[in-house]
Protein backbone atom coordinates (compact mmCIF):
# COMPACT_ATOMS: atom_id res chain seq x y z
CA UNK A 1 56.05 64.53 32.85
CA UNK A 2 56.95 67.75 31.02
CA UNK A 3 55.22 68.44 27.74
CA UNK A 4 56.66 70.59 24.96
CA UNK A 5 55.11 73.99 24.36
CA UNK A 6 51.98 73.62 22.23
CA UNK A 7 52.00 75.67 19.04
CA UNK A 8 49.39 78.38 18.71
CA UNK A 9 46.90 77.61 15.95
CA UNK A 10 47.01 79.79 12.84
CA UNK A 11 43.29 80.59 13.02
CA UNK A 12 40.03 79.80 14.76
CA UNK A 13 39.15 77.39 11.95
CA UNK A 14 42.50 75.59 12.23
CA UNK A 15 42.06 75.26 16.00
CA UNK A 16 38.53 73.94 15.62
CA UNK A 17 39.63 71.42 12.98
CA UNK A 18 42.50 70.18 15.16
CA UNK A 19 40.19 69.98 18.17
CA UNK A 20 37.64 67.90 16.24
CA UNK A 21 40.37 65.49 15.06
CA UNK A 22 41.76 65.25 18.59
CA UNK A 23 38.33 64.47 20.04
CA UNK A 24 37.85 61.71 17.47
CA UNK A 25 41.20 60.13 18.43
CA UNK A 26 40.42 60.37 22.14
CA UNK A 27 36.93 58.91 21.68
CA UNK A 28 38.33 56.02 19.65
CA UNK A 29 39.77 54.60 22.86
CA UNK A 30 42.97 53.63 21.06
CA UNK A 31 45.38 56.13 22.70
CA UNK A 32 47.78 55.03 25.41
CA UNK A 33 47.31 56.78 28.75
CA UNK A 34 50.19 59.25 28.31
CA UNK A 35 48.97 60.28 24.85
CA UNK A 36 45.45 60.57 26.23
CA UNK A 37 46.65 63.01 28.89
CA UNK A 38 48.68 65.01 26.36
CA UNK A 39 45.66 65.07 24.04
CA UNK A 40 43.41 66.30 26.82
CA UNK A 41 45.87 69.09 27.66
CA UNK A 42 46.17 70.10 23.99
CA UNK A 43 42.39 70.05 23.70
CA UNK A 44 42.07 72.38 26.69
CA UNK A 45 44.57 74.75 25.04
CA UNK A 46 42.67 74.67 21.73
CA UNK A 47 39.34 75.19 23.47
CA UNK A 48 40.66 78.26 25.29
CA UNK A 49 42.07 79.64 22.03
CA UNK A 50 38.66 79.23 20.35
CA UNK A 51 36.84 80.82 23.29
CA UNK A 52 39.21 83.80 23.23
CA UNK A 53 38.67 84.31 19.49
CA UNK A 54 34.90 84.08 19.84
CA UNK A 55 34.94 86.53 22.75
CA UNK A 56 36.93 89.02 20.66
CA UNK A 57 34.44 88.75 17.79
CA UNK A 58 31.50 89.03 20.19
CA UNK A 59 33.01 92.19 21.61
CA UNK A 60 33.45 93.63 18.11
CA UNK A 61 29.81 92.87 17.27
CA UNK A 62 28.72 94.58 20.47
CA UNK A 63 30.76 97.66 19.53
CA UNK A 64 29.19 97.70 16.06
CA UNK A 65 25.70 97.24 17.53
CA UNK A 66 26.27 100.22 19.80
CA UNK A 67 26.95 102.34 16.74
CA UNK A 68 30.63 102.98 17.31
CA UNK A 69 32.91 101.16 14.94
CA UNK A 70 36.35 100.58 16.40
CA UNK A 71 39.17 98.56 14.85
CA UNK A 72 39.29 94.93 15.83
CA UNK A 73 42.63 94.20 17.45
CA UNK A 74 43.52 90.56 16.89
CA UNK A 75 45.74 89.13 19.56
């Protein structure tokens, strides 16, 4: 089964909100198997997006803590 390309969330907050809604739908037990699989895959994509954003912010904080302010390059 081929799934369409998942859109990239507009922000960390948007990704987190979508992920929370997705988890609620999955936990409800009401999704058919194919939608459950697609939801799981989308959730993995959203989780990676959030982790990447948090890692970028963590890196920026580390740079600031070391006393050298460098521009934060959002990807």
